[in-house]
Amino acid sequence: MEEQEGPAWMRWGGVLLCLAGAVTLGLWLKDFLGSDEPPKKNQSLQQITLIKPPPPPPPPEQKPPEPIVKEEIKISEPDPEPMDQADEPPPGPDLGVDAEGAGSGDAFGLVGKKGGSDLIGGGRGGNPWAWYDGIVNDALNSAFQDALSREQALKDKAYKVVVKVWIDVRGQISQVILADTTGDAKVDELLKDVLQNLRALREAPPADMPQPIKIRVTSRA
């Protein structure tokens, strides 16, 4: 009894496997024996590293320019010249009294106009109201001395001011006007108060004496 053969796919599969192996071996032998080219070398990849350049050096430190010192030149102002008769207009018919002080307790000294002339216009020889100078001087001197002892502001500030006053027929000052200002409203009011509250003069002014009377008050603190 004959042995049974295996399945057909096994028989043909073995044949095909043998053929594939023979073809592969033949191709390898052809490439190995028939090629004249030397085997290629594997090329290595060359690496290039880029180095960042160093930062530029810092700029040199600049010193700030030295300040220019300007030389200050102080021009000393000359002391104001005293108001004397030569600098004033020619004396008119008005009565003028100088009340001048230097800041002490008895700062104000009442004197005639600088240069020796009478307080009431004109020279000593031809002044019809010269006798009234003394009356006005005595009254003003007493009033300002009392005011200085009470009011510190009158002697703490340097000033020079002209005050116009009118005297009525009873010898009482009836009106006071400051021709200019001391620069301090309080001092201005104090000067006006001194004159407005002045006691009546012992003599009334002559009827023909021109008014107002000009009183120049000077304080050198």
N, C-alpha and C. Protein backbone atom coordinates (compact mmCIF):
# COMPACT_ATOMS: atom_id res chain seq x y z
N MET A 1 0.87 -1.17 0.00
CA MET A 1 0.00 0.00 0.00
C MET A 1 0.89 1.20 0.00
N GLU A 2 0.64 2.20 -0.91
CA GLU A 2 1.51 3.38 -1.07
C GLU A 2 1.22 4.39 0.01
N GLU A 3 2.39 5.08 0.50
CA GLU A 3 2.23 6.13 1.53
C GLU A 3 1.57 7.35 0.93
N GLN A 4 0.74 8.03 1.68
CA GLN A 4 0.05 9.25 1.22
C GLN A 4 1.02 10.40 1.20
N GLU A 5 1.01 11.23 0.14
CA GLU A 5 1.86 12.43 0.03
C GLU A 5 1.28 13.56 0.86
N GLY A 6 2.18 14.52 1.30
CA GLY A 6 1.71 15.66 2.10
C GLY A 6 0.84 16.58 1.28
N PRO A 7 0.34 17.60 1.89
CA PRO A 7 -0.51 18.58 1.18
C PRO A 7 0.27 19.25 0.07
N ALA A 8 -0.43 19.73 -0.92
CA ALA A 8 0.21 20.33 -2.11
C ALA A 8 0.92 21.62 -1.76
N TRP A 9 0.41 22.43 -0.85
CA TRP A 9 1.04 23.75 -0.53
C TRP A 9 2.38 23.56 0.11
N MET A 10 2.54 22.43 0.83
CA MET A 10 3.82 22.18 1.46
C MET A 10 4.85 21.82 0.41
N ARG A 11 4.43 21.06 -0.59
CA ARG A 11 5.38 20.68 -1.62
C ARG A 11 5.81 21.88 -2.41
N TRP A 12 4.87 22.72 -2.83
CA TRP A 12 5.21 23.91 -3.64
C TRP A 12 5.87 24.99 -2.79
N GLY A 13 5.54 25.07 -1.57
CA GLY A 13 6.20 26.07 -0.72
C GLY A 13 7.66 25.77 -0.56
N GLY A 14 8.01 24.51 -0.43
CA GLY A 14 9.44 24.20 -0.28
C GLY A 14 10.21 24.53 -1.51
N VAL A 15 9.56 24.25 -2.69
CA VAL A 15 10.24 24.56 -3.96
C VAL A 15 10.48 26.05 -4.09
N LEU A 16 9.49 26.84 -3.78
CA LEU A 16 9.61 28.30 -3.91
C LEU A 16 10.65 28.85 -2.94
N LEU A 17 10.73 28.29 -1.78
CA LEU A 17 11.70 28.75 -0.80
C LEU A 17 13.12 28.49 -1.27
N CYS A 18 13.32 27.34 -1.89
CA CYS A 18 14.67 27.01 -2.41
C CYS A 18 15.05 27.95 -3.53
N LEU A 19 14.08 28.26 -4.43
CA LEU A 19 14.37 29.17 -5.54
C LEU A 19 14.71 30.56 -5.04
N ALA A 20 14.00 31.04 -4.04
CA ALA A 20 14.27 32.38 -3.51
C ALA A 20 15.64 32.44 -2.89
N GLY A 21 16.04 31.37 -2.21
CA GLY A 21 17.37 31.37 -1.60
C GLY A 21 18.45 31.37 -2.65
N ALA A 22 18.23 30.63 -3.76
CA ALA A 22 19.24 30.57 -4.82
C ALA A 22 19.39 31.92 -5.48
N VAL A 23 18.26 32.60 -5.73
CA VAL A 23 18.33 33.93 -6.38
C VAL A 23 19.06 34.92 -5.48
N THR A 24 18.77 34.90 -4.22
CA THR A 24 19.41 35.83 -3.29
C THR A 24 20.89 35.60 -3.23
N LEU A 25 21.30 34.32 -3.20
CA LEU A 25 22.73 34.01 -3.14
C LEU A 25 23.43 34.44 -4.41
N GLY A 26 22.74 34.27 -5.55
CA GLY A 26 23.36 34.67 -6.82
C GLY A 26 23.55 36.17 -6.89
N LEU A 27 22.60 36.95 -6.44
CA LEU A 27 22.73 38.41 -6.48
C LEU A 27 23.83 38.89 -5.57
N TRP A 28 23.97 38.24 -4.46
CA TRP A 28 25.04 38.66 -3.51
C TRP A 28 26.40 38.39 -4.08
N LEU A 29 26.55 37.18 -4.70
CA LEU A 29 27.84 36.84 -5.30
C LEU A 29 28.17 37.78 -6.45
N LYS A 30 27.14 38.21 -7.18
CA LYS A 30 27.39 39.13 -8.30
C LYS A 30 27.89 40.47 -7.79
N ASP A 31 27.25 40.95 -6.76
CA ASP A 31 27.68 42.26 -6.22
C ASP A 31 29.05 42.19 -5.58
N PHE A 32 29.34 41.07 -4.92
CA PHE A 32 30.60 40.98 -4.19
C PHE A 32 31.77 40.76 -5.12
N LEU A 33 31.54 39.88 -6.14
CA LEU A 33 32.67 39.52 -7.01
C LEU A 33 32.77 40.42 -8.22
N GLY A 34 31.69 40.95 -8.70
CA GLY A 34 31.74 41.71 -9.95
C GLY A 34 31.91 43.19 -9.77
N SER A 35 31.87 43.71 -8.63
CA SER A 35 31.98 45.16 -8.42
C SER A 35 33.43 45.53 -8.23
N ASP A 36 33.91 46.55 -9.03
CA ASP A 36 35.29 47.03 -8.92
C ASP A 36 35.41 48.24 -8.01
N GLU A 37 34.33 48.81 -7.63
CA GLU A 37 34.38 50.02 -6.80
C GLU A 37 34.73 49.66 -5.37
N PRO A 38 35.64 50.43 -4.79
CA PRO A 38 35.97 50.17 -3.38
C PRO A 38 34.77 50.47 -2.51
N PRO A 39 34.73 49.81 -1.42
CA PRO A 39 33.59 50.08 -0.52
C PRO A 39 33.60 51.52 -0.04
N LYS A 40 32.40 52.07 -0.02
CA LYS A 40 32.25 53.47 0.40
C LYS A 40 32.45 53.59 1.91
N LYS A 41 33.20 54.61 2.26
CA LYS A 41 33.41 54.89 3.67
C LYS A 41 32.28 55.78 4.18
N ASN A 42 31.93 55.50 5.35
CA ASN A 42 30.91 56.35 5.97
C ASN A 42 31.52 57.71 6.29
N GLN A 43 30.90 58.78 5.75
CA GLN A 43 31.38 60.14 6.02
C GLN A 43 30.87 60.61 7.38
N SER A 44 31.84 61.05 8.19
CA SER A 44 31.45 61.57 9.51
C SER A 44 31.00 63.02 9.38
N LEU A 45 30.02 63.38 10.11
CA LEU A 45 29.47 64.73 10.08
C LEU A 45 30.36 65.65 10.91
N GLN A 46 30.91 66.68 10.25
CA GLN A 46 31.77 67.65 10.95
C GLN A 46 30.89 68.69 11.64
N GLN A 47 31.10 68.83 12.91
CA GLN A 47 30.32 69.78 13.69
C GLN A 47 31.09 71.09 13.85
N ILE A 48 30.42 72.19 13.60
CA ILE A 48 31.01 73.53 13.76
C ILE A 48 30.24 74.24 14.87
N THR A 49 30.96 74.62 15.88
CA THR A 49 30.34 75.33 17.01
C THR A 49 30.62 76.82 16.87
N LEU A 50 29.58 77.60 16.78
CA LEU A 50 29.72 79.05 16.67
C LEU A 50 29.86 79.64 18.07
N ILE A 51 30.97 80.34 18.31
CA ILE A 51 31.22 80.96 19.61
C ILE A 51 30.79 82.42 19.54
N LYS A 52 29.93 82.81 20.45
CA LYS A 52 29.44 84.19 20.48
C LYS A 52 30.57 85.13 20.90
N PRO A 53 30.83 86.18 20.11
CA PRO A 53 31.94 87.08 20.48
C PRO A 53 31.65 87.77 21.81
N PRO A 54 32.70 88.09 22.56
CA PRO A 54 32.48 88.77 23.86
C PRO A 54 31.88 90.15 23.65
N PRO A 55 31.13 90.64 24.63
CA PRO A 55 30.54 92.00 24.49
C PRO A 55 31.63 93.06 24.45
N PRO A 56 31.35 94.17 23.77
CA PRO A 56 32.37 95.25 23.71
C PRO A 56 32.62 95.81 25.10
N PRO A 57 33.81 96.31 25.33
CA PRO A 57 34.11 96.87 26.66
C PRO A 57 33.25 98.10 26.92
N PRO A 58 32.89 98.34 28.18
CA PRO A 58 32.07 99.53 28.48
C PRO A 58 32.83 100.81 28.16
N PRO A 59 32.09 101.86 27.77
CA PRO A 59 32.78 103.13 27.47
C PRO A 59 33.45 103.68 28.72
N PRO A 60 34.52 104.41 28.55
CA PRO A 60 35.20 104.97 29.74
C PRO A 60 34.28 105.92 30.49
N GLU A 61 34.37 105.87 31.79
CA GLU A 61 33.52 106.71 32.64
C GLU A 61 33.92 108.17 32.46
N GLN A 62 32.91 108.96 32.13
CA GLN A 62 33.16 110.39 31.92
C GLN A 62 32.81 111.16 33.19
N LYS A 63 33.74 111.95 33.64
CA LYS A 63 33.50 112.78 34.82
C LYS A 63 32.60 113.95 34.44
N PRO A 64 31.61 114.23 35.26
CA PRO A 64 30.77 115.41 34.95
C PRO A 64 31.61 116.67 34.97
N PRO A 65 31.28 117.59 34.09
CA PRO A 65 32.07 118.84 34.07
C PRO A 65 31.94 119.59 35.39
N GLU A 66 33.03 120.13 35.82
CA GLU A 66 33.02 120.88 37.06
C GLU A 66 32.20 122.15 36.89
N PRO A 67 31.38 122.46 37.89
CA PRO A 67 30.56 123.69 37.76
C PRO A 67 31.44 124.92 37.70
N ILE A 68 30.98 125.82 36.88
CA ILE A 68 31.70 127.09 36.74
C ILE A 68 31.25 128.02 37.85
N VAL A 69 32.17 128.39 38.66
CA VAL A 69 31.87 129.28 39.78
C VAL A 69 31.97 130.71 39.30
N LYS A 70 30.83 131.37 39.36
CA LYS A 70 30.81 132.77 38.95
C LYS A 70 31.13 133.65 40.14
N GLU A 71 32.05 134.47 39.93
CA GLU A 71 32.43 135.38 41.01
C GLU A 71 31.37 136.46 41.14
N GLU A 72 30.81 136.52 42.31
CA GLU A 72 29.77 137.51 42.57
C GLU A 72 30.41 138.80 43.05
N ILE A 73 30.10 139.82 42.35
CA ILE A 73 30.64 141.13 42.70
C ILE A 73 29.53 141.94 43.33
N LYS A 74 29.73 142.30 44.55
CA LYS A 74 28.75 143.10 45.26
C LYS A 74 29.15 144.57 45.18
N ILE A 75 28.23 145.32 44.70
CA ILE A 75 28.46 146.76 44.60
C ILE A 75 27.82 147.42 45.80
N SER A 76 28.64 147.96 46.61
CA SER A 76 28.11 148.61 47.81
C SER A 76 27.45 149.92 47.43
N GLU A 77 26.23 150.05 47.88
CA GLU A 77 25.50 151.27 47.60
C GLU A 77 25.92 152.36 48.58
N PRO A 78 26.13 153.51 48.08
CA PRO A 78 26.52 154.60 48.99
C PRO A 78 25.38 154.94 49.93
N ASP A 79 25.75 155.31 51.13
CA ASP A 79 24.73 155.71 52.10
C ASP A 79 23.99 156.93 51.59
N PRO A 80 22.69 156.95 51.77
CA PRO A 80 21.93 158.12 51.30
C PRO A 80 22.40 159.38 52.02
N GLU A 81 22.55 160.39 51.25
CA GLU A 81 22.99 161.64 51.84
C GLU A 81 21.85 162.26 52.64
N PRO A 82 22.18 162.86 53.73
CA PRO A 82 21.12 163.51 54.52
C PRO A 82 20.45 164.61 53.72
N MET A 83 19.19 164.75 53.98
CA MET A 83 18.43 165.77 53.28
C MET A 83 18.76 167.13 53.88
N ASP A 84 19.62 167.81 53.21
CA ASP A 84 19.98 169.13 53.72
C ASP A 84 19.35 170.20 52.84
N GLN A 85 19.59 171.38 53.23
CA GLN A 85 18.93 172.49 52.55
C GLN A 85 19.42 172.63 51.12
N ALA A 86 20.69 172.25 50.86
CA ALA A 86 21.23 172.42 49.52
C ALA A 86 20.54 171.52 48.53
N ASP A 87 20.07 170.29 48.99
CA ASP A 87 19.41 169.37 48.09
C ASP A 87 17.93 169.64 47.96
N GLU A 88 17.39 170.48 48.77
CA GLU A 88 15.97 170.76 48.74
C GLU A 88 15.70 171.99 47.89
N PRO A 89 14.48 172.10 47.41
CA PRO A 89 14.13 173.32 46.69
C PRO A 89 14.23 174.51 47.63
N PRO A 90 14.35 175.67 47.09
CA PRO A 90 14.44 176.87 47.94
C PRO A 90 13.28 176.91 48.91
N PRO A 91 13.54 177.28 50.16
CA PRO A 91 12.47 177.28 51.17
C PRO A 91 11.33 178.19 50.78
N GLY A 92 10.12 177.63 50.92
CA GLY A 92 8.94 178.41 50.60
C GLY A 92 8.32 178.94 51.87
N PRO A 93 7.09 179.34 51.80
CA PRO A 93 6.44 179.92 52.98
C PRO A 93 5.96 178.87 53.97
N ASP A 94 6.03 177.53 53.59
CA ASP A 94 5.50 176.51 54.49
C ASP A 94 6.44 176.30 55.66
N LEU A 95 5.84 175.92 56.79
CA LEU A 95 6.63 175.57 57.97
C LEU A 95 7.10 174.14 57.82
N GLY A 96 8.37 173.88 58.13
CA GLY A 96 8.89 172.51 58.06
C GLY A 96 9.64 172.19 59.32
N VAL A 97 9.42 171.00 59.86
CA VAL A 97 10.09 170.57 61.08
C VAL A 97 10.74 169.23 60.81
N ASP A 98 12.01 169.07 61.22
CA ASP A 98 12.71 167.79 61.10
C ASP A 98 12.62 167.05 62.42
N ALA A 99 12.06 165.86 62.40
CA ALA A 99 12.09 164.98 63.57
C ALA A 99 13.00 163.83 63.21
N GLU A 100 14.16 163.76 63.83
CA GLU A 100 15.18 162.80 63.42
C GLU A 100 15.56 161.93 64.59
N GLY A 101 15.66 160.61 64.36
CA GLY A 101 15.99 159.68 65.43
C GLY A 101 16.98 158.64 65.00
N ALA A 102 17.58 157.93 65.98
CA ALA A 102 18.55 156.88 65.69
C ALA A 102 18.20 155.57 66.36
N GLY A 103 16.98 155.40 66.82
CA GLY A 103 16.54 154.12 67.34
C GLY A 103 16.68 153.93 68.83
N SER A 104 17.24 154.85 69.56
CA SER A 104 17.36 154.68 71.01
C SER A 104 16.11 155.19 71.70
N GLY A 105 16.11 155.17 73.02
CA GLY A 105 14.92 155.59 73.76
C GLY A 105 14.60 157.04 73.53
N ASP A 106 15.62 157.87 73.28
CA ASP A 106 15.37 159.28 72.99
C ASP A 106 15.81 159.56 71.57
N ALA A 107 15.28 158.74 70.65
CA ALA A 107 15.79 158.75 69.29
C ALA A 107 15.54 160.05 68.56
N PHE A 108 14.40 160.63 68.75
CA PHE A 108 14.03 161.77 67.95
C PHE A 108 14.54 163.06 68.59
N GLY A 109 15.31 163.80 67.82
CA GLY A 109 15.72 165.13 68.26
C GLY A 109 15.21 166.12 67.24
N LEU A 110 14.42 167.05 67.62
CA LEU A 110 13.81 167.97 66.68
C LEU A 110 14.73 169.16 66.49
N VAL A 111 15.09 169.41 65.25
CA VAL A 111 16.02 170.49 64.95
C VAL A 111 15.45 171.31 63.81
N GLY A 112 16.06 172.44 63.60
CA GLY A 112 15.65 173.25 62.46
C GLY A 112 16.17 172.63 61.18
N LYS A 113 15.81 173.18 60.06
CA LYS A 113 16.28 172.66 58.79
C LYS A 113 17.79 172.71 58.75
N LYS A 114 18.40 171.68 58.12
CA LYS A 114 19.85 171.59 58.05
C LYS A 114 20.42 172.86 57.42
N GLY A 115 21.54 173.29 57.93
CA GLY A 115 22.18 174.48 57.38
C GLY A 115 21.93 175.72 58.20
N GLY A 116 21.14 175.63 59.25
CA GLY A 116 20.96 176.76 60.15
C GLY A 116 19.82 177.68 59.80
N SER A 117 19.06 177.37 58.75
CA SER A 117 17.96 178.28 58.41
C SER A 117 16.77 178.00 59.32
N ASP A 118 15.84 178.90 59.33
CA ASP A 118 14.65 178.74 60.17
C ASP A 118 13.74 177.67 59.59
N LEU A 119 12.86 177.15 60.44
CA LEU A 119 11.91 176.14 59.98
C LEU A 119 10.87 176.73 59.06
N ILE A 120 10.47 177.91 59.36
CA ILE A 120 9.48 178.56 58.51
C ILE A 120 10.25 179.36 57.48
N GLY A 121 9.76 179.27 56.21
CA GLY A 121 10.52 179.72 55.05
C GLY A 121 11.33 180.99 55.22
N GLY A 122 12.48 181.01 54.52
CA GLY A 122 13.33 182.18 54.56
C GLY A 122 14.46 182.04 55.54
N GLY A 123 15.34 183.02 55.61
CA GLY A 123 16.47 182.99 56.53
C GLY A 123 16.07 183.51 57.89
N ARG A 124 17.04 183.47 58.79
CA ARG A 124 16.75 183.89 60.15
C ARG A 124 16.33 185.36 60.22
N GLY A 125 16.93 186.16 59.34
CA GLY A 125 16.68 187.58 59.45
C GLY A 125 15.30 188.00 59.01
N GLY A 126 14.80 187.39 57.91
CA GLY A 126 13.54 187.89 57.36
C GLY A 126 12.37 186.97 57.55
N ASN A 127 12.38 186.09 58.53
CA ASN A 127 11.30 185.14 58.73
C ASN A 127 10.32 185.69 59.75
N PRO A 128 9.11 186.02 59.34
CA PRO A 128 8.16 186.60 60.30
C PRO A 128 7.57 185.58 61.26
N TRP A 129 7.75 184.27 61.00
CA TRP A 129 7.16 183.24 61.87
C TRP A 129 8.23 182.46 62.65
N ALA A 130 9.41 183.04 62.79
CA ALA A 130 10.49 182.33 63.46
C ALA A 130 10.14 181.99 64.91
N TRP A 131 9.38 182.85 65.56
CA TRP A 131 9.02 182.59 66.96
C TRP A 131 8.17 181.33 67.11
N TYR A 132 7.44 180.95 66.03
CA TYR A 132 6.57 179.77 66.11
C TYR A 132 7.37 178.47 65.98
N ASP A 133 8.62 178.57 65.49
CA ASP A 133 9.47 177.37 65.40
C ASP A 133 9.60 176.69 66.75
N GLY A 134 9.95 177.45 67.76
CA GLY A 134 10.18 176.87 69.08
C GLY A 134 8.95 176.22 69.65
N ILE A 135 7.79 176.81 69.41
CA ILE A 135 6.54 176.24 69.93
C ILE A 135 6.28 174.87 69.30
N VAL A 136 6.44 174.80 67.98
CA VAL A 136 6.20 173.52 67.29
C VAL A 136 7.24 172.48 67.70
N ASN A 137 8.51 172.90 67.80
CA ASN A 137 9.57 171.97 68.18
C ASN A 137 9.32 171.36 69.55
N ASP A 138 8.98 172.19 70.52
CA ASP A 138 8.75 171.69 71.88
C ASP A 138 7.63 170.67 71.92
N ALA A 139 6.55 170.96 71.23
CA ALA A 139 5.39 170.06 71.26
C ALA A 139 5.70 168.73 70.57
N LEU A 140 6.34 168.79 69.40
CA LEU A 140 6.65 167.56 68.67
C LEU A 140 7.68 166.72 69.41
N ASN A 141 8.69 167.36 69.98
CA ASN A 141 9.72 166.62 70.70
C ASN A 141 9.11 165.83 71.85
N SER A 142 8.25 166.46 72.62
CA SER A 142 7.61 165.77 73.74
C SER A 142 6.73 164.62 73.27
N ALA A 143 5.97 164.85 72.19
CA ALA A 143 5.05 163.82 71.69
C ALA A 143 5.80 162.59 71.17
N PHE A 144 6.88 162.82 70.43
CA PHE A 144 7.62 161.69 69.88
C PHE A 144 8.39 160.93 70.96
N GLN A 145 8.89 161.62 71.97
CA GLN A 145 9.58 160.91 73.05
C GLN A 145 8.61 159.97 73.77
N ASP A 146 7.41 160.44 74.03
CA ASP A 146 6.41 159.59 74.67
C ASP A 146 6.04 158.40 73.78
N ALA A 147 5.91 158.65 72.47
CA ALA A 147 5.53 157.56 71.55
C ALA A 147 6.62 156.50 71.47
N LEU A 148 7.89 156.92 71.49
CA LEU A 148 8.99 155.95 71.41
C LEU A 148 9.02 155.04 72.62
N SER A 149 8.67 155.55 73.77
CA SER A 149 8.68 154.72 74.98
C SER A 149 7.55 153.70 74.97
N ARG A 150 6.51 153.95 74.16
CA ARG A 150 5.36 153.04 74.12
C ARG A 150 5.41 152.09 72.93
N GLU A 151 5.86 152.57 71.78
CA GLU A 151 5.76 151.82 70.53
C GLU A 151 7.16 151.45 70.03
N GLN A 152 7.49 150.15 70.14
CA GLN A 152 8.80 149.68 69.69
C GLN A 152 8.93 149.79 68.18
N ALA A 153 7.82 149.65 67.46
CA ALA A 153 7.87 149.66 66.00
C ALA A 153 8.40 150.98 65.45
N LEU A 154 8.23 152.06 66.18
CA LEU A 154 8.69 153.36 65.68
C LEU A 154 10.20 153.44 65.59
N LYS A 155 10.92 152.67 66.40
CA LYS A 155 12.38 152.76 66.40
C LYS A 155 13.07 151.50 65.89
N ASP A 156 12.29 150.49 65.51
CA ASP A 156 12.88 149.26 65.00
C ASP A 156 13.04 149.27 63.49
N LYS A 157 12.56 150.28 62.83
CA LYS A 157 12.58 150.33 61.38
C LYS A 157 13.17 151.65 60.91
N ALA A 158 14.05 151.55 59.90
CA ALA A 158 14.63 152.78 59.34
C ALA A 158 13.66 153.35 58.30
N TYR A 159 13.40 154.63 58.38
CA TYR A 159 12.49 155.26 57.43
C TYR A 159 12.72 156.76 57.42
N LYS A 160 12.20 157.37 56.40
CA LYS A 160 12.23 158.83 56.26
C LYS A 160 10.95 159.22 55.53
N VAL A 161 10.14 160.01 56.18
CA VAL A 161 8.82 160.31 55.63
C VAL A 161 8.47 161.76 55.93
N VAL A 162 7.73 162.36 55.01
CA VAL A 162 7.25 163.74 55.18
C VAL A 162 5.76 163.69 55.50
N VAL A 163 5.38 164.41 56.56
CA VAL A 163 3.99 164.47 56.99
C VAL A 163 3.52 165.92 56.94
N LYS A 164 2.33 166.12 56.41
CA LYS A 164 1.73 167.46 56.36
C LYS A 164 0.66 167.57 57.44
N VAL A 165 0.72 168.67 58.20
CA VAL A 165 -0.27 168.88 59.27
C VAL A 165 -0.87 170.28 59.14
N TRP A 166 -2.12 170.37 59.55
CA TRP A 166 -2.82 171.65 59.60
C TRP A 166 -3.18 171.94 61.07
N ILE A 167 -2.98 173.16 61.49
CA ILE A 167 -3.27 173.57 62.87
C ILE A 167 -4.39 174.59 62.84
N ASP A 168 -5.41 174.34 63.67
CA ASP A 168 -6.56 175.26 63.66
C ASP A 168 -6.29 176.46 64.57
N VAL A 169 -7.30 177.31 64.71
CA VAL A 169 -7.14 178.56 65.47
C VAL A 169 -6.99 178.32 66.97
N ARG A 170 -7.27 177.10 67.43
CA ARG A 170 -7.10 176.78 68.84
C ARG A 170 -5.71 176.23 69.15
N GLY A 171 -4.89 176.08 68.09
CA GLY A 171 -3.57 175.48 68.27
C GLY A 171 -3.59 173.96 68.27
N GLN A 172 -4.70 173.37 67.82
CA GLN A 172 -4.86 171.91 67.78
C GLN A 172 -4.63 171.43 66.34
N ILE A 173 -3.92 170.30 66.19
CA ILE A 173 -3.74 169.73 64.85
C ILE A 173 -5.07 169.16 64.39
N SER A 174 -5.54 169.65 63.26
CA SER A 174 -6.87 169.26 62.76
C SER A 174 -6.80 168.24 61.65
N GLN A 175 -5.68 168.14 60.95
CA GLN A 175 -5.58 167.21 59.82
C GLN A 175 -4.13 166.76 59.67
N VAL A 176 -3.95 165.47 59.35
CA VAL A 176 -2.61 164.88 59.15
C VAL A 176 -2.64 164.07 57.86
N ILE A 177 -1.68 164.32 56.98
CA ILE A 177 -1.56 163.57 55.72
C ILE A 177 -0.10 163.18 55.53
N LEU A 178 0.15 161.89 55.27
CA LEU A 178 1.51 161.43 54.94
C LEU A 178 1.76 161.70 53.46
N ALA A 179 2.79 162.49 53.18
CA ALA A 179 3.13 162.78 51.78
C ALA A 179 3.70 161.55 51.09
N ASP A 180 4.33 160.66 51.85
CA ASP A 180 4.82 159.39 51.32
C ASP A 180 4.64 158.35 52.41
N THR A 181 5.27 157.20 52.27
CA THR A 181 5.07 156.11 53.22
C THR A 181 6.39 155.58 53.74
N THR A 182 6.35 155.03 54.92
CA THR A 182 7.55 154.39 55.50
C THR A 182 7.76 152.99 54.94
N GLY A 183 6.78 152.47 54.21
CA GLY A 183 6.85 151.09 53.74
C GLY A 183 6.21 150.11 54.70
N ASP A 184 5.76 150.59 55.83
CA ASP A 184 5.11 149.74 56.83
C ASP A 184 3.82 150.44 57.26
N ALA A 185 2.70 149.81 56.96
CA ALA A 185 1.40 150.44 57.25
C ALA A 185 1.23 150.70 58.74
N LYS A 186 1.76 149.81 59.58
CA LYS A 186 1.62 150.01 61.02
C LYS A 186 2.38 151.25 61.47
N VAL A 187 3.60 151.43 60.96
CA VAL A 187 4.39 152.61 61.33
C VAL A 187 3.72 153.88 60.82
N ASP A 188 3.16 153.81 59.60
CA ASP A 188 2.45 154.97 59.07
C ASP A 188 1.32 155.40 60.01
N GLU A 189 0.55 154.42 60.47
CA GLU A 189 -0.57 154.75 61.36
C GLU A 189 -0.09 155.29 62.70
N LEU A 190 1.02 154.74 63.20
CA LEU A 190 1.55 155.22 64.48
C LEU A 190 1.99 156.68 64.38
N LEU A 191 2.64 157.03 63.27
CA LEU A 191 3.07 158.42 63.10
C LEU A 191 1.86 159.36 63.03
N LYS A 192 0.84 158.93 62.31
CA LYS A 192 -0.36 159.77 62.23
C LYS A 192 -1.03 159.92 63.59
N ASP A 193 -1.05 158.82 64.35
CA ASP A 193 -1.67 158.88 65.68
C ASP A 193 -0.92 159.84 66.60
N VAL A 194 0.42 159.81 66.53
CA VAL A 194 1.20 160.71 67.39
C VAL A 194 0.82 162.16 67.12
N LEU A 195 0.70 162.51 65.85
CA LEU A 195 0.41 163.90 65.50
C LEU A 195 -1.06 164.27 65.75
N GLN A 196 -1.96 163.33 65.45
CA GLN A 196 -3.38 163.63 65.66
C GLN A 196 -3.73 163.77 67.14
N ASN A 197 -3.00 163.07 67.99
CA ASN A 197 -3.27 163.13 69.43
C ASN A 197 -2.37 164.13 70.15
N LEU A 198 -1.66 164.93 69.39
CA LEU A 198 -0.79 165.94 70.00
C LEU A 198 -1.64 166.96 70.77
N ARG A 199 -1.16 167.27 71.95
CA ARG A 199 -1.91 168.25 72.75
C ARG A 199 -1.89 169.60 72.03
N ALA A 200 -2.85 170.42 72.36
CA ALA A 200 -2.94 171.73 71.71
C ALA A 200 -1.69 172.56 72.02
N LEU A 201 -1.20 173.24 70.99
CA LEU A 201 -0.03 174.10 71.18
C LEU A 201 -0.41 175.28 72.08
N ARG A 202 0.60 175.77 72.75
CA ARG A 202 0.30 176.86 73.69
C ARG A 202 -0.05 178.16 72.98
N GLU A 203 0.23 178.22 71.71
CA GLU A 203 -0.13 179.40 70.92
C GLU A 203 -0.80 178.94 69.63
N ALA A 204 -1.81 179.65 69.22
CA ALA A 204 -2.41 179.39 67.92
C ALA A 204 -1.48 179.93 66.84
N PRO A 205 -1.53 179.35 65.64
CA PRO A 205 -0.65 179.84 64.58
C PRO A 205 -1.08 181.23 64.13
N PRO A 206 -0.15 182.02 63.66
CA PRO A 206 -0.52 183.33 63.11
C PRO A 206 -1.52 183.17 61.98
N ALA A 207 -2.41 184.08 61.91
CA ALA A 207 -3.47 183.99 60.90
C ALA A 207 -2.91 184.02 59.49
N ASP A 208 -1.81 184.74 59.27
CA ASP A 208 -1.26 184.86 57.92
C ASP A 208 -0.17 183.82 57.65
N MET A 209 0.05 182.86 58.56
CA MET A 209 1.08 181.84 58.34
C MET A 209 0.53 180.78 57.38
N PRO A 210 1.26 180.48 56.30
CA PRO A 210 0.77 179.49 55.33
C PRO A 210 0.77 178.08 55.95
N GLN A 211 -0.19 177.30 55.53
CA GLN A 211 -0.29 175.91 55.95
C GLN A 211 -0.52 175.05 54.71
N PRO A 212 -0.18 173.73 54.74
CA PRO A 212 0.16 172.92 55.91
C PRO A 212 1.61 173.09 56.37
N ILE A 213 1.87 172.63 57.58
CA ILE A 213 3.23 172.54 58.09
C ILE A 213 3.79 171.18 57.66
N LYS A 214 4.98 171.19 57.11
CA LYS A 214 5.61 169.95 56.65
C LYS A 214 6.60 169.45 57.72
N ILE A 215 6.37 168.24 58.17
CA ILE A 215 7.22 167.63 59.18
C ILE A 215 7.92 166.43 58.55
N ARG A 216 9.23 166.44 58.58
CA ARG A 216 9.99 165.32 58.04
C ARG A 216 10.50 164.48 59.21
N VAL A 217 10.06 163.21 59.25
CA VAL A 217 10.43 162.30 60.34
C VAL A 217 11.43 161.28 59.80
N THR A 218 12.58 161.18 60.44
CA THR A 218 13.64 160.26 60.01
C THR A 218 14.02 159.36 61.17
N SER A 219 14.07 158.05 60.91
CA SER A 219 14.50 157.09 61.92
C SER A 219 15.59 156.22 61.33
N ARG A 220 16.71 156.10 62.03
CA ARG A 220 17.81 155.23 61.61
C ARG A 220 17.90 154.09 62.61
N ALA A 221 17.24 152.97 62.27
CA ALA A 221 17.17 151.84 63.21
C ALA A 221 18.54 151.22 63.41
